[in-house]
Amino acid sequence: MEQYVVTGIGVHNGLGHSAEISWANLLAGKTAIRPVKWPEDDPTKFPSTHSGIKIKLAAINNEITEDYPEYFSYGWPYWDPNTKSCLLSVDQAIKDADLTSKRVGVAVSTFGSGTQVRLEFFAALNLGKKASPRKTLNMGLDFPAAQVAKVYEVTGPNTTMNSACTTGITSIEYAINTLKTDTSLDAMIVGGADYTADAIYMFWFQSLGALSQTDDVSLASCPFDRRRNGFVMGEGAATIIIEPLSKARARGAKIYGIVKSTSFVTLFDSDTSPDPSGQGARLCVQQALDKAGITADQIDYVNAHATSTPVGDQIEFDAMLDLTPGRVMVSNKGQIGHTMASSGIVETIYSLLTIRDQQTPGTANLVEPLGQGMILPANSMDIDVKYIIKNSFGFGGRNASMILEKYND
């Protein structure tokens, strides 16, 4: 039976503008979380005031100042930061995989593409001014994926996914199913990008009561800690290249790991909160194990969704304690925040690098663990790992889990 592997990776976030730099900074315990500087009131802008926003911190991407490839010139002047970050991560992954085929599909997703352009557009509307048609295209959720097809001239299916916080794993499953049903395809480009640390999205999630309002970086995002008080919005992009193992081996590609299985369970209890019993998470993880043909005893490591919310972290902890007691479990969001559509992809990359290097980062800001029975490292450590569970849990009772396996040639 064919297996599906990751052959290229790219990361563009507040910890670094390459996968290797971001990974090194994650292991070193560095953080992308920093103060947000809201602009002064200005009646010519939208919004004209930020006085209602109480959020003080976000995991902000570094300014995009690097040189860009000449083949980006087509759109660079019109792309917003989200699209630029997305394409830069895609470029890394394609180069890392040494992918030259054009029979390649695209599943590049975003939760809030074009946020900066959207604000400019609303300001123009308020003032009766014209808006740049080419710039306004950034507002389409499909826009980054379309730009990938334009720039790299890949001819396979091209789409974007949107399933809240489970979007990354949803995109990975779509990519693998597409490769299974269309054997003429050589690979899929699978990415996610979001720049939601802006006024609209921050005010939205503040209104939902989901975001931490502290100005203390050590408290703003502390997954699995008793002091947790909401999550931190993050910015950035990440991309992986997925190929059938047979094709990857035939061309001598570097292989980071095997996507052994993906699973999805929806148990709707609330628009925003997971079902309090945690049954959705348990069923989802068990389904992923069953589809992978392995048992819970074989799992070495859990890359958790844990966002630092009072309810969600406890539910995930309890579920994993029931299924995989005594395993190492880590959340990356204490350093990179919640990057929405990007989160499932970037955390998959960090999981694959955990397998490659046999080393895990810690969970940042973890001082008072919420429970016992799982190994919750606060700092990076060496680890012996073959199988990883990657979880993503989202609004609307959505649960997604994935099993990653170490590849041995």
Protein backbone atom coordinates (compact mmCIF):
# COMPACT_ATOMS: atom_id res chain seq x y z
CA MET A 1 0.00 0.00 0.00
CA GLU A 2 1.27 3.46 -0.92
CA GLN A 3 2.39 5.75 1.87
CA TYR A 4 2.63 9.55 1.85
CA VAL A 5 5.64 11.47 3.06
CA VAL A 6 6.82 15.02 3.67
CA THR A 7 9.80 16.00 1.51
CA GLY A 8 10.02 19.76 1.95
CA ILE A 9 9.32 22.30 4.69
CA GLY A 10 9.11 26.08 4.96
CA VAL A 11 8.38 28.41 7.89
CA HIS A 12 8.01 32.18 8.00
CA ASN A 13 7.03 33.40 11.46
CA GLY A 14 8.11 35.48 14.42
CA LEU A 15 10.76 32.93 15.43
CA GLY A 16 12.46 33.05 12.05
CA HIS A 17 12.09 33.40 8.33
CA SER A 18 13.24 29.85 7.59
CA ALA A 19 12.28 26.47 9.01
CA GLU A 20 15.71 25.82 10.48
CA ILE A 21 16.04 29.24 12.16
CA SER A 22 12.49 29.05 13.54
CA TRP A 23 13.18 25.55 14.87
CA ALA A 24 16.49 26.55 16.46
CA ASN A 25 14.84 29.49 18.20
CA LEU A 26 11.97 27.29 19.39
CA LEU A 27 14.46 24.84 20.95
CA ALA A 28 16.34 27.76 22.51
CA GLY A 29 13.17 28.92 24.27
CA LYS A 30 12.87 32.22 22.41
CA THR A 31 9.46 33.79 21.91
CA ALA A 32 7.67 35.70 19.15
CA ILE A 33 5.25 37.21 21.67
CA ARG A 34 5.74 40.94 22.12
CA PRO A 35 3.77 44.13 22.83
CA VAL A 36 1.28 45.34 20.23
CA LYS A 37 1.55 49.04 19.40
CA TRP A 38 -1.90 50.23 18.42
CA PRO A 39 -1.88 53.41 16.27
CA GLU A 40 -3.08 56.81 17.40
CA ASP A 41 -6.68 57.79 16.60
CA ASP A 42 -6.98 58.89 12.98
CA PRO A 43 -10.36 59.77 11.36
CA THR A 44 -8.94 58.99 7.90
CA LYS A 45 -8.22 55.37 8.80
CA PHE A 46 -10.39 52.36 9.56
CA PRO A 47 -10.86 51.81 12.39
CA SER A 48 -10.44 55.43 13.41
CA THR A 49 -9.83 54.46 17.04
CA HIS A 50 -8.46 51.40 18.83
CA SER A 51 -9.65 52.45 22.28
CA GLY A 52 -11.91 49.40 22.64
CA ILE A 53 -9.10 46.88 22.16
CA LYS A 54 -7.72 45.62 25.47
CA ILE A 55 -5.21 43.14 24.01
CA LYS A 56 -1.62 44.11 24.70
CA LEU A 57 0.43 41.22 23.28
CA ALA A 58 0.64 39.13 20.12
CA ALA A 59 3.09 36.73 18.49
CA ILE A 60 4.05 39.10 15.71
CA ASN A 61 6.00 38.10 12.62
CA ASN A 62 9.16 40.05 11.94
CA GLU A 63 8.98 42.71 9.25
CA ILE A 64 9.37 41.29 5.76
CA THR A 65 12.59 42.93 4.61
CA GLU A 66 14.38 40.04 2.90
CA ASP A 67 15.04 40.00 -0.81
CA TYR A 68 12.39 38.15 -2.75
CA PRO A 69 12.84 35.98 -5.84
CA GLU A 70 12.52 37.72 -9.19
CA TYR A 71 9.55 35.51 -10.06
CA PHE A 72 7.61 37.19 -7.23
CA SER A 73 7.80 40.54 -9.01
CA TYR A 74 4.47 39.86 -10.71
CA GLY A 75 2.54 40.35 -7.50
CA TRP A 76 4.88 41.61 -4.78
CA PRO A 77 3.81 45.29 -4.93
CA TYR A 78 0.16 44.23 -4.51
CA TRP A 79 0.46 41.37 -2.03
CA ASP A 80 -0.37 42.04 1.60
CA PRO A 81 1.95 40.68 4.35
CA ASN A 82 -0.10 37.48 4.68
CA THR A 83 0.31 36.60 1.01
CA LYS A 84 4.00 37.56 1.02
CA SER A 85 4.70 35.44 4.09
CA CYS A 86 2.76 32.55 2.56
CA LEU A 87 4.64 32.63 -0.73
CA LEU A 88 8.00 32.91 1.02
CA SER A 89 7.23 29.77 3.04
CA VAL A 90 6.08 27.97 -0.13
CA ASP A 91 9.31 28.95 -1.88
CA GLN A 92 11.35 27.50 0.98
CA ALA A 93 9.46 24.21 0.90
CA ILE A 94 9.69 23.78 -2.88
CA LYS A 95 13.44 24.45 -2.82
CA ASP A 96 13.93 22.20 0.20
CA ALA A 97 12.14 19.37 -1.60
CA ASP A 98 13.98 20.10 -4.87
CA LEU A 99 10.57 19.87 -6.50
CA THR A 100 10.62 20.60 -10.24
CA SER A 101 7.48 18.83 -11.48
CA LYS A 102 4.54 20.92 -12.64
CA ARG A 103 2.02 18.12 -12.06
CA VAL A 104 1.53 19.37 -8.55
CA GLY A 105 -1.60 20.40 -6.65
CA VAL A 106 -2.07 23.19 -4.11
CA ALA A 107 -3.96 23.25 -0.81
CA VAL A 108 -2.92 26.54 0.77
CA SER A 109 -5.31 27.86 3.37
CA THR A 110 -5.95 31.01 5.35
CA PHE A 111 -8.43 32.04 8.00
CA GLY A 112 -8.09 35.79 7.45
CA SER A 113 -6.26 36.59 4.24
CA GLY A 114 -5.92 40.24 3.29
CA THR A 115 -6.62 41.71 6.72
CA GLN A 116 -4.40 44.75 6.16
CA VAL A 117 -5.87 45.38 2.72
CA ARG A 118 -9.38 44.97 4.16
CA LEU A 119 -8.74 47.82 6.59
CA GLU A 120 -7.41 50.03 3.78
CA PHE A 121 -10.45 49.14 1.69
CA PHE A 122 -12.89 50.09 4.46
CA ALA A 123 -11.03 53.36 5.01
CA ALA A 124 -11.35 54.17 1.29
CA LEU A 125 -15.05 53.35 1.41
CA ASN A 126 -15.56 55.65 4.40
CA LEU A 127 -13.76 58.52 2.67
CA GLY A 128 -15.31 57.98 -0.75
CA LYS A 129 -11.94 57.14 -2.32
CA LYS A 130 -11.02 54.51 -4.88
CA ALA A 131 -9.32 51.26 -3.91
CA SER A 132 -6.69 49.35 -5.89
CA PRO A 133 -8.48 46.44 -7.62
CA ARG A 134 -5.36 44.26 -7.58
CA LYS A 135 -4.76 44.84 -3.88
CA THR A 136 -8.36 44.07 -2.95
CA LEU A 137 -7.96 40.56 -4.41
CA ASN A 138 -5.91 39.74 -1.29
CA MET A 139 -9.19 39.62 0.63
CA GLY A 140 -10.22 36.38 -1.06
CA LEU A 141 -9.41 33.33 1.06
CA ASP A 142 -8.36 31.56 -2.14
CA PHE A 143 -5.91 34.30 -3.15
CA PRO A 144 -2.65 32.91 -1.69
CA ALA A 145 -3.34 29.49 -3.23
CA ALA A 146 -4.00 31.08 -6.63
CA GLN A 147 -0.73 33.00 -6.43
CA VAL A 148 1.15 29.75 -5.83
CA ALA A 149 -0.25 28.38 -9.10
CA LYS A 150 0.67 31.57 -10.95
CA VAL A 151 4.23 31.84 -9.65
CA TYR A 152 5.22 28.17 -9.91
CA GLU A 153 3.05 27.23 -12.92
CA VAL A 154 1.78 24.08 -11.21
CA THR A 155 -1.20 22.56 -12.98
CA GLY A 156 -2.89 20.33 -10.39
CA PRO A 157 -5.99 21.05 -8.28
CA ASN A 158 -5.87 24.38 -6.48
CA THR A 159 -7.96 25.10 -3.40
CA THR A 160 -8.12 26.48 0.12
CA MET A 161 -9.61 24.91 3.25
CA ASN A 162 -11.39 26.50 6.18
CA SER A 163 -12.29 24.43 9.23
CA ALA A 164 -11.32 26.79 12.04
CA CYS A 165 -8.31 25.61 14.07
CA THR A 166 -8.29 22.19 12.37
CA THR A 167 -7.62 23.74 8.95
CA GLY A 168 -3.99 22.56 8.77
CA ILE A 169 -4.74 18.87 9.27
CA THR A 170 -7.82 19.20 7.04
CA SER A 171 -5.53 20.50 4.29
CA ILE A 172 -3.11 17.61 4.81
CA GLU A 173 -5.89 15.02 4.53
CA TYR A 174 -7.26 16.69 1.40
CA ALA A 175 -3.80 16.63 -0.16
CA ILE A 176 -3.28 12.93 0.54
CA ASN A 177 -6.76 11.99 -0.73
CA THR A 178 -6.10 14.00 -3.88
CA LEU A 179 -2.83 12.16 -4.49
CA LYS A 180 -4.63 8.86 -3.98
CA THR A 181 -7.38 9.64 -6.50
CA ASP A 182 -5.22 11.35 -9.14
CA THR A 183 -2.09 9.27 -9.59
CA SER A 184 -0.85 11.59 -12.35
CA LEU A 185 0.02 14.11 -9.64
CA ASP A 186 3.58 14.03 -8.32
CA ALA A 187 3.09 16.09 -5.16
CA MET A 188 0.89 18.50 -3.23
CA ILE A 189 1.92 21.87 -1.83
CA VAL A 190 0.17 22.16 1.54
CA GLY A 191 0.36 25.42 3.45
CA GLY A 192 -1.30 27.81 5.82
CA ALA A 193 -0.87 31.52 6.49
CA ASP A 194 -2.54 34.03 8.75
CA TYR A 195 -1.96 37.61 9.88
CA THR A 196 -4.81 37.98 12.34
CA ALA A 197 -2.99 40.11 14.95
CA ASP A 198 -4.85 43.16 13.66
CA ALA A 199 -7.64 45.35 15.00
CA ILE A 200 -10.58 43.45 13.48
CA TYR A 201 -9.57 39.94 14.48
CA MET A 202 -8.16 40.93 17.86
CA PHE A 203 -11.37 42.78 18.76
CA TRP A 204 -13.44 39.86 17.47
CA PHE A 205 -11.63 37.26 19.60
CA GLN A 206 -11.48 39.65 22.55
CA SER A 207 -15.28 39.87 22.32
CA LEU A 208 -15.45 36.08 22.45
CA GLY A 209 -13.40 36.13 25.65
CA ALA A 210 -10.76 33.91 24.03
CA LEU A 211 -7.66 36.13 24.26
CA SER A 212 -5.37 36.84 27.17
CA GLN A 213 -5.45 40.51 28.18
CA THR A 214 -2.32 40.48 30.33
CA ASP A 215 0.77 42.52 29.48
CA ASP A 216 3.05 39.90 31.06
CA VAL A 217 4.69 37.78 28.34
CA SER A 218 5.25 34.93 30.81
CA LEU A 219 1.49 34.73 31.50
CA ALA A 220 0.00 35.63 28.12
CA SER A 221 0.34 32.13 26.66
CA CYS A 222 1.09 29.35 29.14
CA PRO A 223 -0.39 26.08 27.86
CA PHE A 224 -1.09 23.37 30.43
CA ASP A 225 -0.37 25.81 33.26
CA ARG A 226 -2.86 26.51 36.04
CA ARG A 227 -2.41 30.26 35.45
CA ARG A 228 -3.57 30.14 31.82
CA ASN A 229 -6.03 32.89 30.92
CA GLY A 230 -6.60 32.80 27.17
CA PHE A 231 -4.55 32.51 24.02
CA VAL A 232 -2.32 34.92 22.12
CA MET A 233 -2.92 35.69 18.46
CA GLY A 234 -0.05 34.75 16.17
CA GLU A 235 1.19 35.65 12.70
CA GLY A 236 3.06 33.65 10.11
CA ALA A 237 3.03 30.99 7.43
CA ALA A 238 4.21 27.43 6.95
CA THR A 239 4.28 24.96 4.04
CA ILE A 240 5.04 21.28 3.52
CA ILE A 241 5.43 19.22 0.36
CA ILE A 242 3.64 15.85 0.42
CA GLU A 243 4.46 13.09 -2.08
CA PRO A 244 3.71 9.41 -2.54
CA LEU A 245 6.59 7.50 -1.01
CA SER A 246 7.22 5.59 -4.23
CA LYS A 247 7.71 8.81 -6.22
CA ALA A 248 9.80 10.44 -3.50
CA ARG A 249 12.12 7.42 -3.38
CA ALA A 250 12.34 7.20 -7.15
CA ARG A 251 13.71 10.73 -7.39
CA GLY A 252 15.93 10.40 -4.32
CA ALA A 253 14.06 12.99 -2.28
CA LYS A 254 14.90 13.78 1.33
CA ILE A 255 12.13 12.44 3.57
CA TYR A 256 11.21 14.05 6.89
CA GLY A 257 8.59 11.54 7.90
CA ILE A 258 5.47 9.59 7.01
CA VAL A 259 1.92 10.88 7.45
CA LYS A 260 0.57 7.61 8.78
CA SER A 261 -3.07 8.68 9.28
CA THR A 262 -5.45 11.58 9.80
CA SER A 263 -8.82 11.56 11.55
CA PHE A 264 -11.70 13.94 12.21
CA VAL A 265 -14.55 13.86 14.71
CA THR A 266 -17.13 16.61 15.26
CA LEU A 267 -19.14 16.72 18.48
CA PHE A 268 -20.86 20.09 18.54
CA ASP A 269 -21.57 21.35 22.05
CA SER A 270 -20.85 25.08 21.65
CA ASP A 271 -19.95 27.56 18.93
CA THR A 272 -16.57 28.11 20.58
CA SER A 273 -15.89 25.55 23.33
CA PRO A 274 -15.12 21.84 22.88
CA ASP A 275 -17.54 19.28 24.27
CA PRO A 276 -16.86 19.30 28.02
CA SER A 277 -16.66 15.52 28.24
CA GLY A 278 -13.66 15.45 25.90
CA GLN A 279 -15.27 12.55 24.07
CA GLY A 280 -14.63 14.17 20.69
CA ALA A 281 -10.90 14.39 21.35
CA ARG A 282 -10.73 10.81 22.63
CA LEU A 283 -12.67 9.39 19.66
CA CYS A 284 -10.55 11.38 17.22
CA VAL A 285 -7.21 10.21 18.62
CA GLN A 286 -8.41 6.60 18.83
CA GLN A 287 -9.62 6.76 15.24
CA ALA A 288 -6.21 8.05 14.12
CA LEU A 289 -4.53 5.16 15.93
CA ASP A 290 -6.87 2.61 14.37
CA LYS A 291 -6.37 4.01 10.87
CA ALA A 292 -2.59 3.94 11.35
CA GLY A 293 -2.74 0.34 12.50
CA ILE A 294 -0.91 1.02 15.75
CA THR A 295 -1.85 1.06 19.44
CA ALA A 296 -1.68 3.89 21.94
CA ASP A 297 1.25 2.10 23.63
CA GLN A 298 3.36 2.76 20.53
CA ILE A 299 2.94 6.54 20.74
CA ASP A 300 6.07 8.28 22.01
CA TYR A 301 5.10 11.93 21.91
CA VAL A 302 2.14 14.31 21.62
CA ASN A 303 2.28 17.68 19.89
CA ALA A 304 -0.77 19.21 21.52
CA HIS A 305 -3.21 21.79 20.27
CA ALA A 306 -3.26 23.42 23.75
CA THR A 307 -3.77 27.16 23.26
CA SER A 308 -3.68 28.27 26.93
CA THR A 309 -7.44 28.47 27.41
CA PRO A 310 -8.92 27.43 30.76
CA VAL A 311 -11.30 24.84 29.28
CA GLY A 312 -9.56 23.49 26.17
CA ASP A 313 -6.19 22.67 27.72
CA GLN A 314 -7.77 20.66 30.54
CA ILE A 315 -9.94 18.66 28.14
CA GLU A 316 -6.96 17.79 25.92
CA PHE A 317 -4.78 16.92 28.92
CA ASP A 318 -7.42 14.58 30.34
CA ALA A 319 -8.03 12.91 26.98
CA MET A 320 -4.35 12.26 26.34
CA LEU A 321 -3.84 11.10 29.93
CA ASP A 322 -6.54 8.48 29.37
CA LEU A 323 -5.11 7.30 26.03
CA THR A 324 -1.35 7.87 26.28
CA PRO A 325 -0.41 8.18 29.97
CA GLY A 326 3.19 8.97 30.78
CA ARG A 327 4.08 10.30 27.32
CA VAL A 328 5.91 13.51 26.55
CA MET A 329 3.41 16.20 25.55
CA VAL A 330 4.29 19.69 24.33
CA SER A 331 2.46 22.75 23.00
CA ASN A 332 4.32 25.24 20.79
CA LYS A 333 1.82 28.07 21.25
CA GLY A 334 3.56 29.56 24.28
CA GLN A 335 6.23 30.81 21.84
CA ILE A 336 4.41 31.35 18.53
CA GLY A 337 0.86 32.05 19.67
CA HIS A 338 -2.12 30.66 17.77
CA THR A 339 -1.43 31.13 14.07
CA MET A 340 -4.87 29.85 12.97
CA ALA A 341 -4.67 28.24 9.51
CA SER A 342 -0.89 28.09 9.82
CA SER A 343 -0.88 26.42 13.23
CA GLY A 344 -1.53 22.85 12.13
CA ILE A 345 1.13 23.09 9.43
CA VAL A 346 3.88 24.78 11.43
CA GLU A 347 3.31 22.43 14.36
CA THR A 348 3.50 19.47 11.96
CA ILE A 349 6.87 20.80 10.80
CA TYR A 350 8.08 21.15 14.38
CA SER A 351 6.90 17.57 15.02
CA LEU A 352 8.81 16.27 12.01
CA LEU A 353 11.93 18.09 13.17
CA THR A 354 11.44 16.52 16.62
CA ILE A 355 11.60 13.16 14.86
CA ARG A 356 14.62 14.17 12.77
CA ASP A 357 16.66 15.58 15.64
CA GLN A 358 15.26 13.36 18.41
CA GLN A 359 14.86 16.52 20.45
CA THR A 360 11.77 18.36 21.66
CA PRO A 361 11.24 21.98 22.66
CA GLY A 362 9.61 22.63 26.00
CA THR A 363 6.22 24.18 26.63
CA ALA A 364 6.96 27.84 27.30
CA ASN A 365 5.86 29.54 30.52
CA LEU A 366 4.98 26.24 32.18
CA VAL A 367 5.43 26.77 35.93
CA GLU A 368 2.37 25.19 37.56
CA PRO A 369 1.31 22.11 35.52
CA LEU A 370 -2.44 21.55 35.54
CA GLY A 371 -2.12 17.85 36.30
CA GLN A 372 0.09 14.80 36.72
CA GLY A 373 0.60 11.63 34.70
CA MET A 374 2.03 13.18 31.52
CA ILE A 375 5.59 14.39 30.96
CA LEU A 376 5.29 18.14 30.33
CA PRO A 377 8.82 19.49 29.76
CA ALA A 378 9.30 23.22 30.33
CA ASN A 379 12.61 23.20 28.43
CA SER A 380 14.01 21.39 25.42
CA MET A 381 15.21 17.84 25.96
CA ASP A 382 16.45 14.79 24.09
CA ILE A 383 13.80 12.21 23.26
CA ASP A 384 13.54 8.81 21.60
CA VAL A 385 10.60 9.09 19.21
CA LYS A 386 9.16 7.04 16.34
CA TYR A 387 5.43 7.86 16.46
CA ILE A 388 3.90 11.28 17.16
CA ILE A 389 0.28 12.32 17.62
CA LYS A 390 -0.45 15.85 16.39
CA ASN A 391 -3.75 17.29 17.62
CA SER A 392 -5.75 20.28 16.39
CA PHE A 393 -9.09 21.13 18.02
CA GLY A 394 -11.31 23.97 16.86
CA PHE A 395 -14.50 25.97 17.21
CA GLY A 396 -17.73 24.15 16.46
CA GLY A 397 -16.68 20.94 18.18
CA ARG A 398 -14.12 20.08 15.49
CA ASN A 399 -11.37 17.62 16.40
CA ALA A 400 -8.49 16.56 14.17
CA SER A 401 -5.59 14.22 14.91
CA MET A 402 -2.72 12.92 12.84
CA ILE A 403 -0.10 10.20 13.32
CA LEU A 404 3.42 10.94 12.07
CA GLU A 405 6.00 8.17 11.77
CA LYS A 406 9.78 8.25 11.56
CA TYR A 407 10.99 7.17 8.11
CA ASN A 408 13.69 4.54 7.91
CA ASP A 409 15.17 4.01 4.46
